[in-house]
Amino acid sequence: MFSVGQKVVYVDGSCTNRSRSYEKLPTVGCVYTVRSIVPRGIYGFDDDGLLLAEIRNPLAWYPTGAGPRVFCELHFRARRFRPLRTTNIDVFTKMLEPAPARERELV
């Protein structure tokens, strides 16, 4: 779904149960760059995670849904982001240009 280097927008800030003051969290509506993708199976999490180039957190112990705690950087659920879509204005300016007149054939 995502790739390293891709621009994404944080759209779901419903998870606010972080209590560690040193953790940096994304802000809803802001654009970020995917630094790394953390597959869900590596640490036993339910969802894939994203590490962001603009946010770096120290390694710490985090609980998993699969049991033991893991020592890793805080990553964010991929489902809380969407790809950034950019629109090239050239498409719209071309639509405003008049269509070329066809040459009339002489009969």
PDB file of N, CA and C in Angstrom:
ATOM      1  N   MET A   1       0.818  -1.187   0.000  1.00  0.00           N
ATOM      2  CA  MET A   1       0.000   0.000   0.000  1.00  0.00           C
ATOM      3  C   MET A   1       0.871   1.263   0.000  1.00  0.00           C
ATOM      4  N   PHE A   2       1.906   1.282   0.817  1.00  0.00           N
ATOM      5  CA  PHE A   2       2.810   2.425   0.873  1.00  0.00           C
ATOM      6  C   PHE A   2       4.201   1.979   0.462  1.00  0.00           C
ATOM      7  N   SER A   3       5.048   2.953   0.115  1.00  0.00           N
ATOM      8  CA  SER A   3       6.431   2.644  -0.229  1.00  0.00           C
ATOM      9  C   SER A   3       7.344   3.675   0.428  1.00  0.00           C
ATOM     10  N   VAL A   4       8.593   3.284   0.627  1.00  0.00           N
ATOM     11  CA  VAL A   4       9.574   4.175   1.238  1.00  0.00           C
ATOM     12  C   VAL A   4       9.772   5.380   0.332  1.00  0.00           C
ATOM     13  N   GLY A   5       9.766   6.567   0.922  1.00  0.00           N
ATOM     14  CA  GLY A   5       9.916   7.806   0.179  1.00  0.00           C
ATOM     15  C   GLY A   5       8.595   8.428  -0.239  1.00  0.00           C
ATOM     16  N   GLN A   6       7.513   7.704  -0.083  1.00  0.00           N
ATOM     17  CA  GLN A   6       6.199   8.201  -0.470  1.00  0.00           C
ATOM     18  C   GLN A   6       5.714   9.263   0.512  1.00  0.00           C
ATOM     19  N   LYS A   7       5.036  10.271  -0.001  1.00  0.00           N
ATOM     20  CA  LYS A   7       4.422  11.301   0.836  1.00  0.00           C
ATOM     21  C   LYS A   7       3.043  10.803   1.264  1.00  0.00           C
ATOM     22  N   VAL A   8       2.740  10.974   2.553  1.00  0.00           N
ATOM     23  CA  VAL A   8       1.459  10.545   3.106  1.00  0.00           C
ATOM     24  C   VAL A   8       0.886  11.658   3.980  1.00  0.00           C
ATOM     25  N   VAL A   9      -0.411  11.608   4.212  1.00  0.00           N
ATOM     26  CA  VAL A   9      -1.102  12.560   5.078  1.00  0.00           C
ATOM     27  C   VAL A   9      -1.673  11.792   6.256  1.00  0.00           C
ATOM     28  N   TYR A  10      -1.477  12.323   7.449  1.00  0.00           N
ATOM     29  CA  TYR A  10      -2.036  11.701   8.655  1.00  0.00           C
ATOM     30  C   TYR A  10      -3.495  12.116   8.762  1.00  0.00           C
ATOM     31  N   VAL A  11      -4.403  11.149   8.734  1.00  0.00           N
ATOM     32  CA  VAL A  11      -5.836  11.466   8.692  1.00  0.00           C
ATOM     33  C   VAL A  11      -6.618  10.982   9.911  1.00  0.00           C
ATOM     34  N   ASP A  12      -6.034  10.121  10.724  1.00  0.00           N
ATOM     35  CA  ASP A  12      -6.774   9.556  11.851  1.00  0.00           C
ATOM     36  C   ASP A  12      -5.983   9.731  13.137  1.00  0.00           C
ATOM     37  N   GLY A  13      -6.336  10.728  13.920  1.00  0.00           N
ATOM     38  CA  GLY A  13      -5.647  10.988  15.180  1.00  0.00           C
ATOM     39  C   GLY A  13      -6.438  10.514  16.377  1.00  0.00           C
ATOM     40  N   SER A  14      -7.268   9.485  16.197  1.00  0.00           N
ATOM     41  CA  SER A  14      -8.146   9.047  17.281  1.00  0.00           C
ATOM     42  C   SER A  14      -7.407   8.355  18.421  1.00  0.00           C
ATOM     43  N   CYS A  15      -6.186   7.901  18.184  1.00  0.00           N
ATOM     44  CA  CYS A  15      -5.418   7.232  19.240  1.00  0.00           C
ATOM     45  C   CYS A  15      -4.627   8.271  20.030  1.00  0.00           C
ATOM     46  N   THR A  16      -5.101   8.592  21.198  1.00  0.00           N
ATOM     47  CA  THR A  16      -4.431   9.606  22.020  1.00  0.00           C
ATOM     48  C   THR A  16      -4.032   9.058  23.387  1.00  0.00           C
ATOM     49  N   ASN A  17      -3.850   7.738  23.471  1.00  0.00           N
ATOM     50  CA  ASN A  17      -3.559   7.144  24.781  1.00  0.00           C
ATOM     51  C   ASN A  17      -2.068   7.072  25.088  1.00  0.00           C
ATOM     52  N   ARG A  18      -1.249   7.824  24.403  1.00  0.00           N
ATOM     53  CA  ARG A  18       0.195   7.852  24.682  1.00  0.00           C
ATOM     54  C   ARG A  18       0.442   8.714  25.912  1.00  0.00           C
ATOM     55  N   SER A  19       1.206   8.181  26.823  1.00  0.00           N
ATOM     56  CA  SER A  19       1.465   8.935  28.048  1.00  0.00           C
ATOM     57  C   SER A  19       2.933   9.307  28.206  1.00  0.00           C
ATOM     58  N   ARG A  20       3.784   8.876  27.276  1.00  0.00           N
ATOM     59  CA  ARG A  20       5.203   9.180  27.388  1.00  0.00           C
ATOM     60  C   ARG A  20       5.475  10.570  26.831  1.00  0.00           C
ATOM     61  N   SER A  21       6.003  11.416  27.653  1.00  0.00           N
ATOM     62  CA  SER A  21       6.193  12.820  27.258  1.00  0.00           C
ATOM     63  C   SER A  21       7.238  12.997  26.169  1.00  0.00           C
ATOM     64  N   TYR A  22       8.161  12.050  26.029  1.00  0.00           N
ATOM     65  CA  TYR A  22       9.233  12.190  25.042  1.00  0.00           C
ATOM     66  C   TYR A  22       8.823  11.718  23.640  1.00  0.00           C
ATOM     67  N   GLU A  23       7.669  11.091  23.502  1.00  0.00           N
ATOM     68  CA  GLU A  23       7.237  10.594  22.198  1.00  0.00           C
ATOM     69  C   GLU A  23       6.724  11.717  21.311  1.00  0.00           C
ATOM     70  N   LYS A  24       7.202  11.727  20.097  1.00  0.00           N
ATOM     71  CA  LYS A  24       6.711  12.679  19.110  1.00  0.00           C
ATOM     72  C   LYS A  24       5.657  11.966  18.274  1.00  0.00           C
ATOM     73  N   LEU A  25       4.512  12.616  18.118  1.00  0.00           N
ATOM     74  CA  LEU A  25       3.397  12.020  17.383  1.00  0.00           C
ATOM     75  C   LEU A  25       3.066  12.854  16.151  1.00  0.00           C
ATOM     76  N   PRO A  26       2.499  12.223  15.121  1.00  0.00           N
ATOM     77  CA  PRO A  26       2.085  12.993  13.944  1.00  0.00           C
ATOM     78  C   PRO A  26       0.874  13.860  14.253  1.00  0.00           C
ATOM     79  N   THR A  27       0.673  14.876  13.424  1.00  0.00           N
ATOM     80  CA  THR A  27      -0.448  15.797  13.566  1.00  0.00           C
ATOM     81  C   THR A  27      -1.409  15.580  12.409  1.00  0.00           C
ATOM     82  N   VAL A  28      -2.695  15.508  12.718  1.00  0.00           N
ATOM     83  CA  VAL A  28      -3.712  15.294  11.689  1.00  0.00           C
ATOM     84  C   VAL A  28      -3.636  16.400  10.635  1.00  0.00           C
ATOM     85  N   GLY A  29      -3.652  15.989   9.373  1.00  0.00           N
ATOM     86  CA  GLY A  29      -3.625  16.926   8.263  1.00  0.00           C
ATOM     87  C   GLY A  29      -2.232  17.272   7.767  1.00  0.00           C
ATOM     88  N   CYS A  30      -1.204  16.859   8.480  1.00  0.00           N
ATOM     89  CA  CYS A  30       0.171  17.165   8.065  1.00  0.00           C
ATOM     90  C   CYS A  30       0.702  16.107   7.106  1.00  0.00           C
ATOM     91  N   VAL A  31       1.625  16.531   6.260  1.00  0.00           N
ATOM     92  CA  VAL A  31       2.238  15.652   5.266  1.00  0.00           C
ATOM     93  C   VAL A  31       3.556  15.123   5.808  1.00  0.00           C
ATOM     94  N   TYR A  32       3.781  13.813   5.632  1.00  0.00           N
ATOM     95  CA  TYR A  32       4.997  13.157   6.094  1.00  0.00           C
ATOM     96  C   TYR A  32       5.574  12.299   4.978  1.00  0.00           C
ATOM     97  N   THR A  33       6.835  11.908   5.146  1.00  0.00           N
ATOM     98  CA  THR A  33       7.509  11.031   4.196  1.00  0.00           C
ATOM     99  C   THR A  33       7.756   9.686   4.866  1.00  0.00           C
ATOM    100  N   VAL A  34       7.406   8.599   4.181  1.00  0.00           N
ATOM    101  CA  VAL A  34       7.613   7.262   4.739  1.00  0.00           C
ATOM    102  C   VAL A  34       9.109   6.957   4.753  1.00  0.00           C
ATOM    103  N   ARG A  35       9.642   6.736   5.942  1.00  0.00           N
ATOM    104  CA  ARG A  35      11.063   6.393   6.116  1.00  0.00           C
ATOM    105  C   ARG A  35      11.266   4.896   6.044  1.00  0.00           C
ATOM    106  N   SER A  36      10.334   4.152   6.617  1.00  0.00           N
ATOM    107  CA  SER A  36      10.433   2.698   6.644  1.00  0.00           C
ATOM    108  C   SER A  36       9.053   2.109   6.899  1.00  0.00           C
ATOM    109  N   ILE A  37       8.851   0.889   6.439  1.00  0.00           N
ATOM    110  CA  ILE A  37       7.594   0.178   6.676  1.00  0.00           C
ATOM    111  C   ILE A  37       7.895  -0.984   7.607  1.00  0.00           C
ATOM    112  N   VAL A  38       7.122  -1.103   8.679  1.00  0.00           N
ATOM    113  CA  VAL A  38       7.303  -2.175   9.649  1.00  0.00           C
ATOM    114  C   VAL A  38       6.194  -3.199   9.425  1.00  0.00           C
ATOM    115  N   PRO A  39       6.517  -4.345   8.816  1.00  0.00           N
ATOM    116  CA  PRO A  39       5.478  -5.360   8.593  1.00  0.00           C
ATOM    117  C   PRO A  39       4.898  -5.844   9.920  1.00  0.00           C
ATOM    118  N   ARG A  40       3.623  -6.065   9.937  1.00  0.00           N
ATOM    119  CA  ARG A  40       2.942  -6.415  11.196  1.00  0.00           C
ATOM    120  C   ARG A  40       3.473  -7.692  11.830  1.00  0.00           C
ATOM    121  N   GLY A  41       3.944  -8.633  11.040  1.00  0.00           N
ATOM    122  CA  GLY A  41       4.395  -9.905  11.588  1.00  0.00           C
ATOM    123  C   GLY A  41       5.705  -9.838  12.339  1.00  0.00           C
ATOM    124  N   ILE A  42       6.541  -8.842  12.071  1.00  0.00           N
ATOM    125  CA  ILE A  42       7.865  -8.778  12.698  1.00  0.00           C
ATOM    126  C   ILE A  42       7.751  -8.684  14.215  1.00  0.00           C
ATOM    127  N   TYR A  43       6.908  -7.807  14.708  1.00  0.00           N
ATOM    128  CA  TYR A  43       6.767  -7.620  16.147  1.00  0.00           C
ATOM    129  C   TYR A  43       5.453  -8.176  16.691  1.00  0.00           C
ATOM    130  N   GLY A  44       4.668  -8.799  15.851  1.00  0.00           N
ATOM    131  CA  GLY A  44       3.405  -9.377  16.300  1.00  0.00           C
ATOM    132  C   GLY A  44       2.279  -8.368  16.436  1.00  0.00           C
ATOM    133  N   PHE A  45       2.387  -7.222  15.753  1.00  0.00           N
ATOM    134  CA  PHE A  45       1.314  -6.231  15.788  1.00  0.00           C
ATOM    135  C   PHE A  45       0.197  -6.622  14.821  1.00  0.00           C
ATOM    136  N   ASP A  46      -0.961  -6.015  14.992  1.00  0.00           N
ATOM    137  CA  ASP A  46      -2.118  -6.316  14.156  1.00  0.00           C
ATOM    138  C   ASP A  46      -2.056  -5.634  12.789  1.00  0.00           C
ATOM    139  N   ASP A  47      -1.377  -4.509  12.693  1.00  0.00           N
ATOM    140  CA  ASP A  47      -1.320  -3.728  11.454  1.00  0.00           C
ATOM    141  C   ASP A  47       0.123  -3.420  11.089  1.00  0.00           C
ATOM    142  N   ASP A  48       0.345  -3.150   9.793  1.00  0.00           N
ATOM    143  CA  ASP A  48       1.646  -2.654   9.372  1.00  0.00           C
ATOM    144  C   ASP A  48       1.865  -1.281   9.992  1.00  0.00           C
ATOM    145  N   GLY A  49       3.118  -0.932  10.200  1.00  0.00           N
ATOM    146  CA  GLY A  49       3.439   0.361  10.785  1.00  0.00           C
ATOM    147  C   GLY A  49       4.303   1.181   9.856  1.00  0.00           C
ATOM    148  N   LEU A  50       4.300   2.489  10.075  1.00  0.00           N
ATOM    149  CA  LEU A  50       5.130   3.391   9.297  1.00  0.00           C
ATOM    150  C   LEU A  50       6.067   4.142  10.234  1.00  0.00           C
ATOM    151  N   LEU A  51       7.325   4.259   9.809  1.00  0.00           N
ATOM    152  CA  LEU A  51       8.265   5.167  10.443  1.00  0.00           C
ATOM    153  C   LEU A  51       8.374   6.350   9.504  1.00  0.00           C
ATOM    154  N   LEU A  52       8.357   7.538  10.054  1.00  0.00           N
ATOM    155  CA  LEU A  52       8.310   8.756   9.255  1.00  0.00           C
ATOM    156  C   LEU A  52       9.639   9.503   9.314  1.00  0.00           C
ATOM    157  N   ALA A  53      10.038  10.058   8.176  1.00  0.00           N
ATOM    158  CA  ALA A  53      11.309  10.784   8.107  1.00  0.00           C
ATOM    159  C   ALA A  53      11.300  12.012   9.013  1.00  0.00           C
ATOM    160  N   GLU A  54      10.166  12.636   9.167  1.00  0.00           N
ATOM    161  CA  GLU A  54      10.062  13.875   9.941  1.00  0.00           C
ATOM    162  C   GLU A  54       9.934  13.640  11.444  1.00  0.00           C
ATOM    163  N   ILE A  55       9.672  12.408  11.835  1.00  0.00           N
ATOM    164  CA  ILE A  55       9.505  12.092  13.261  1.00  0.00           C
ATOM    165  C   ILE A  55      10.421  10.928  13.623  1.00  0.00           C
ATOM    166  N   ARG A  56      11.278  11.158  14.591  1.00  0.00           N
ATOM    167  CA  ARG A  56      12.153  10.092  15.095  1.00  0.00           C
ATOM    168  C   ARG A  56      11.957  10.013  16.604  1.00  0.00           C
ATOM    169  N   ASN A  57      11.710   8.800  17.073  1.00  0.00           N
ATOM    170  CA  ASN A  57      11.526   8.563  18.496  1.00  0.00           C
ATOM    171  C   ASN A  57      12.612   7.614  18.994  1.00  0.00           C
ATOM    172  N   PRO A  58      12.976   7.709  20.273  1.00  0.00           N
ATOM    173  CA  PRO A  58      13.983   6.785  20.816  1.00  0.00           C
ATOM    174  C   PRO A  58      13.410   5.375  20.926  1.00  0.00           C
ATOM    175  N   LEU A  59      14.292   4.401  20.948  1.00  0.00           N
ATOM    176  CA  LEU A  59      13.857   3.021  21.153  1.00  0.00           C
ATOM    177  C   LEU A  59      13.287   2.887  22.564  1.00  0.00           C
ATOM    178  N   ALA A  60      12.241   2.099  22.671  1.00  0.00           N
ATOM    179  CA  ALA A  60      11.600   1.883  23.971  1.00  0.00           C
ATOM    180  C   ALA A  60      10.874   0.542  23.935  1.00  0.00           C
ATOM    181  N   TRP A  61      10.402   0.107  25.091  1.00  0.00           N
ATOM    182  CA  TRP A  61       9.643  -1.144  25.179  1.00  0.00           C
ATOM    183  C   TRP A  61       8.170  -0.852  24.927  1.00  0.00           C
ATOM    184  N   TYR A  62       7.566  -1.629  24.015  1.00  0.00           N
ATOM    185  CA  TYR A  62       6.145  -1.465  23.682  1.00  0.00           C
ATOM    186  C   TYR A  62       5.447  -2.808  23.766  1.00  0.00           C
ATOM    187  N   PRO A  63       4.212  -2.807  24.269  1.00  0.00           N
ATOM    188  CA  PRO A  63       3.443  -4.058  24.301  1.00  0.00           C
ATOM    189  C   PRO A  63       2.945  -4.410  22.897  1.00  0.00           C
ATOM    190  N   THR A  64       2.715  -5.687  22.678  1.00  0.00           N
ATOM    191  CA  THR A  64       2.138  -6.133  21.401  1.00  0.00           C
ATOM    192  C   THR A  64       0.854  -6.894  21.699  1.00  0.00           C
ATOM    193  N   GLY A  65       0.055  -7.064  20.685  1.00  0.00           N
ATOM    194  CA  GLY A  65      -1.158  -7.847  20.853  1.00  0.00           C
ATOM    195  C   GLY A  65      -0.856  -9.328  20.943  1.00  0.00           C
ATOM    196  N   ALA A  66       0.358  -9.721  20.548  1.00  0.00           N
ATOM    197  CA  ALA A  66       0.726 -11.136  20.513  1.00  0.00           C
ATOM    198  C   ALA A  66       1.366 -11.620  21.810  1.00  0.00           C
ATOM    199  N   GLY A  67       1.604 -10.747  22.755  1.00  0.00           N
ATOM    200  CA  GLY A  67       2.186 -11.211  23.999  1.00  0.00           C
ATOM    201  C   GLY A  67       3.313 -10.360  24.530  1.00  0.00           C
ATOM    202  N   PRO A  68       4.583 -10.801  24.309  1.00  0.00           N
ATOM    203  CA  PRO A  68       5.704 -10.113  24.956  1.00  0.00           C
ATOM    204  C   PRO A  68       5.912  -8.695  24.437  1.00  0.00           C
ATOM    205  N   ARG A  69       6.566  -7.896  25.253  1.00  0.00           N
ATOM    206  CA  ARG A  69       6.884  -6.523  24.852  1.00  0.00           C
ATOM    207  C   ARG A  69       8.070  -6.557  23.905  1.00  0.00           C
ATOM    208  N   VAL A  70       8.156  -5.544  23.037  1.00  0.00           N
ATOM    209  CA  VAL A  70       9.257  -5.471  22.082  1.00  0.00           C
ATOM    210  C   VAL A  70       9.985  -4.145  22.249  1.00  0.00           C
ATOM    211  N   PHE A  71      11.270  -4.167  21.963  1.00  0.00           N
ATOM    212  CA  PHE A  71      12.117  -2.980  22.057  1.00  0.00           C
ATOM    213  C   PHE A  71      12.290  -2.443  20.643  1.00  0.00           C
ATOM    214  N   CYS A  72      11.636  -1.327  20.349  1.00  0.00           N
ATOM    215  CA  CYS A  72      11.666  -0.788  18.988  1.00  0.00           C
ATOM    216  C   CYS A  72      11.345   0.714  19.025  1.00  0.00           C
ATOM    217  N   GLU A  73      11.441   1.326  17.868  1.00  0.00           N
ATOM    218  CA  GLU A  73      11.031   2.724  17.737  1.00  0.00           C
ATOM    219  C   GLU A  73       9.510   2.760  17.572  1.00  0.00           C
ATOM    220  N   LEU A  74       8.892   3.754  18.150  1.00  0.00           N
ATOM    221  CA  LEU A  74       7.449   3.916  18.000  1.00  0.00           C
ATOM    222  C   LEU A  74       7.124   4.132  16.532  1.00  0.00           C
ATOM    223  N   HIS A  75       6.282   3.263  16.007  1.00  0.00           N
ATOM    224  CA  HIS A  75       5.826   3.441  14.633  1.00  0.00           C
ATOM    225  C   HIS A  75       4.314   3.602  14.663  1.00  0.00           C
ATOM    226  N   PHE A  76       3.762   4.054  13.555  1.00  0.00           N
ATOM    227  CA  PHE A  76       2.356   4.441  13.521  1.00  0.00           C
ATOM    228  C   PHE A  76       1.595   3.552  12.546  1.00  0.00           C
ATOM    229  N   ARG A  77       0.369   3.192  12.913  1.00  0.00           N
ATOM    230  CA  ARG A  77      -0.430   2.308  12.074  1.00  0.00           C
ATOM    231  C   ARG A  77      -0.625   2.894  10.681  1.00  0.00           C
ATOM    232  N   ALA A  78      -0.335   2.092   9.686  1.00  0.00           N
ATOM    233  CA  ALA A  78      -0.433   2.546   8.297  1.00  0.00           C
ATOM    234  C   ALA A  78      -1.865   2.955   7.953  1.00  0.00           C
ATOM    235  N   ARG A  79      -2.847   2.335   8.560  1.00  0.00           N
ATOM    236  CA  ARG A  79      -4.243   2.662   8.220  1.00  0.00           C
ATOM    237  C   ARG A  79      -4.644   4.073   8.663  1.00  0.00           C
ATOM    238  N   ARG A  80      -3.821   4.715   9.473  1.00  0.00           N
ATOM    239  CA  ARG A  80      -4.110   6.081   9.908  1.00  0.00           C
ATOM    240  C   ARG A  80      -3.609   7.136   8.912  1.00  0.00           C
ATOM    241  N   PHE A  81      -3.027   6.680   7.805  1.00  0.00           N
ATOM    242  CA  PHE A  81      -2.494   7.569   6.779  1.00  0.00           C
ATOM    243  C   PHE A  81      -3.157   7.292   5.444  1.00  0.00           C
ATOM    244  N   ARG A  82      -3.085   8.262   4.564  1.00  0.00           N
ATOM    245  CA  ARG A  82      -3.493   8.056   3.174  1.00  0.00           C
ATOM    246  C   ARG A  82      -2.409   8.650   2.287  1.00  0.00           C
ATOM    247  N   PRO A  83      -2.269   8.128   1.077  1.00  0.00           N
ATOM    248  CA  PRO A  83      -1.262   8.688   0.172  1.00  0.00           C
ATOM    249  C   PRO A  83      -1.584  10.134  -0.165  1.00  0.00           C
ATOM    250  N   LEU A  84      -0.556  10.945  -0.312  1.00  0.00           N
ATOM    251  CA  LEU A  84      -0.740  12.325  -0.729  1.00  0.00           C
ATOM    252  C   LEU A  84      -0.971  12.325  -2.226  1.00  0.00           C
ATOM    253  N   ARG A  85      -2.031  12.948  -2.641  1.00  0.00           N
ATOM    254  CA  ARG A  85      -2.334  13.028  -4.068  1.00  0.00           C
ATOM    255  C   ARG A  85      -2.088  14.454  -4.515  1.00  0.00           C
ATOM    256  N   THR A  86      -1.268  14.579  -5.516  1.00  0.00           N
ATOM    257  CA  THR A  86      -1.000  15.901  -6.062  1.00  0.00           C
ATOM    258  C   THR A  86      -1.659  16.011  -7.421  1.00  0.00           C
ATOM    259  N   THR A  87      -2.148  17.168  -7.726  1.00  0.00           N
ATOM    260  CA  THR A  87      -2.793  17.407  -9.009  1.00  0.00           C
ATOM    261  C   THR A  87      -1.908  18.321  -9.832  1.00  0.00           C
ATOM    262  N   ASN A  88      -1.640  17.903 -11.036  1.00  0.00           N
ATOM    263  CA  ASN A  88      -0.841  18.711 -11.937  1.00  0.00           C
ATOM    264  C   ASN A  88      -1.788  19.673 -12.660  1.00  0.00           C
ATOM    265  N   ILE A  89      -1.565  20.949 -12.534  1.00  0.00           N
ATOM    266  CA  ILE A  89      -2.452  21.960 -13.104  1.00  0.00           C
ATOM    267  C   ILE A  89      -2.412  21.970 -14.631  1.00  0.00           C
ATOM    268  N   ASP A  90      -1.368  21.372 -15.214  1.00  0.00           N
ATOM    269  CA  ASP A  90      -1.273  21.321 -16.677  1.00  0.00           C
ATOM    270  C   ASP A  90      -2.474  20.623 -17.304  1.00  0.00           C
ATOM    271  N   VAL A  91      -3.024  19.651 -16.622  1.00  0.00           N
ATOM    272  CA  VAL A  91      -4.196  18.944 -17.134  1.00  0.00           C
ATOM    273  C   VAL A  91      -5.358  19.914 -17.304  1.00  0.00           C
ATOM    274  N   PHE A  92      -5.530  20.789 -16.330  1.00  0.00           N
ATOM    275  CA  PHE A  92      -6.655  21.718 -16.373  1.00  0.00           C
ATOM    276  C   PHE A  92      -6.420  22.867 -17.350  1.00  0.00           C
ATOM    277  N   THR A  93      -5.201  23.342 -17.453  1.00  0.00           N
ATOM    278  CA  THR A  93      -4.934  24.425 -18.400  1.00  0.00           C
ATOM    279  C   THR A  93      -5.083  23.946 -19.833  1.00  0.00           C
ATOM    280  N   LYS A  94      -4.767  22.698 -20.084  1.00  0.00           N
ATOM    281  CA  LYS A  94      -4.946  22.147 -21.432  1.00  0.00           C
ATOM    282  C   LYS A  94      -6.421  22.078 -21.787  1.00  0.00           C
ATOM    283  N   MET A  95      -7.269  21.831 -20.809  1.00  0.00           N
ATOM    284  CA  MET A  95      -8.712  21.775 -21.059  1.00  0.00           C
ATOM    285  C   MET A  95      -9.252  23.149 -21.467  1.00  0.00           C
ATOM    286  N   LEU A  96      -8.608  24.212 -21.048  1.00  0.00           N
ATOM    287  CA  LEU A  96      -9.063  25.562 -21.372  1.00  0.00           C
ATOM    288  C   LEU A  96      -8.655  26.022 -22.774  1.00  0.00           C
ATOM    289  N   GLU A  97      -7.684  25.340 -23.367  1.00  0.00           N
ATOM    290  CA  GLU A  97      -7.240  25.718 -24.705  1.00  0.00           C
ATOM    291  C   GLU A  97      -8.314  25.349 -25.723  1.00  0.00           C
ATOM    292  N   PRO A  98      -8.540  26.222 -26.709  1.00  0.00           N
ATOM    293  CA  PRO A  98      -9.542  25.887 -27.731  1.00  0.00           C
ATOM    294  C   PRO A  98      -9.045  24.722 -28.579  1.00  0.00           C
ATOM    295  N   ALA A  99      -9.996  23.918 -28.997  1.00  0.00           N
ATOM    296  CA  ALA A  99      -9.654  22.779 -29.850  1.00  0.00           C
ATOM    297  C   ALA A  99      -9.192  23.298 -31.200  1.00  0.00           C
ATOM    298  N   PRO A 100      -8.180  22.689 -31.793  1.00  0.00           N
ATOM    299  CA  PRO A 100      -7.708  23.163 -33.101  1.00  0.00           C
ATOM    300  C   PRO A 100      -8.789  22.969 -34.164  1.00  0.00           C
ATOM    301  N   ALA A 101      -8.943  23.975 -34.978  1.00  0.00           N
ATOM    302  CA  ALA A 101      -9.955  23.891 -36.051  1.00  0.00           C
ATOM    303  C   ALA A 101      -9.455  22.940 -37.124  1.00  0.00           C
ATOM    304  N   ARG A 102     -10.360  22.116 -37.589  1.00  0.00           N
ATOM    305  CA  ARG A 102     -10.008  21.187 -38.659  1.00  0.00           C
ATOM    306  C   ARG A 102     -10.045  21.909 -39.992  1.00  0.00           C
ATOM    307  N   GLU A 103      -9.126  21.570 -40.827  1.00  0.00           N
ATOM    308  CA  GLU A 103      -9.122  22.170 -42.151  1.00  0.00           C
ATOM    309  C   GLU A 103     -10.264  21.565 -42.949  1.00  0.00           C
ATOM    310  N   ARG A 104     -10.957  22.445 -43.624  1.00  0.00           N
ATOM    311  CA  ARG A 104     -12.075  21.971 -44.461  1.00  0.00           C
ATOM    312  C   ARG A 104     -11.532  21.380 -45.758  1.00  0.00           C
ATOM    313  N   GLU A 105     -12.078  20.291 -46.084  1.00  0.00           N
ATOM    314  CA  GLU A 105     -11.665  19.678 -47.333  1.00  0.00           C
ATOM    315  C   GLU A 105     -12.405  20.339 -48.479  1.00  0.00           C
ATOM    316  N   LEU A 106     -11.704  20.596 -49.509  1.00  0.00           N
ATOM    317  CA  LEU A 106     -12.331  21.167 -50.699  1.00  0.00           C
ATOM    318  C   LEU A 106     -13.016  20.061 -51.473  1.00  0.00           C
ATOM    319  N   VAL A 107     -14.217  20.325 -51.878  1.00  0.00           N
ATOM    320  CA  VAL A 107     -14.984  19.319 -52.608  1.00  0.00           C
ATOM    321  C   VAL A 107     -14.876  19.527 -54.078  1.00  0.00           C
TER     322      VAL A 107
END
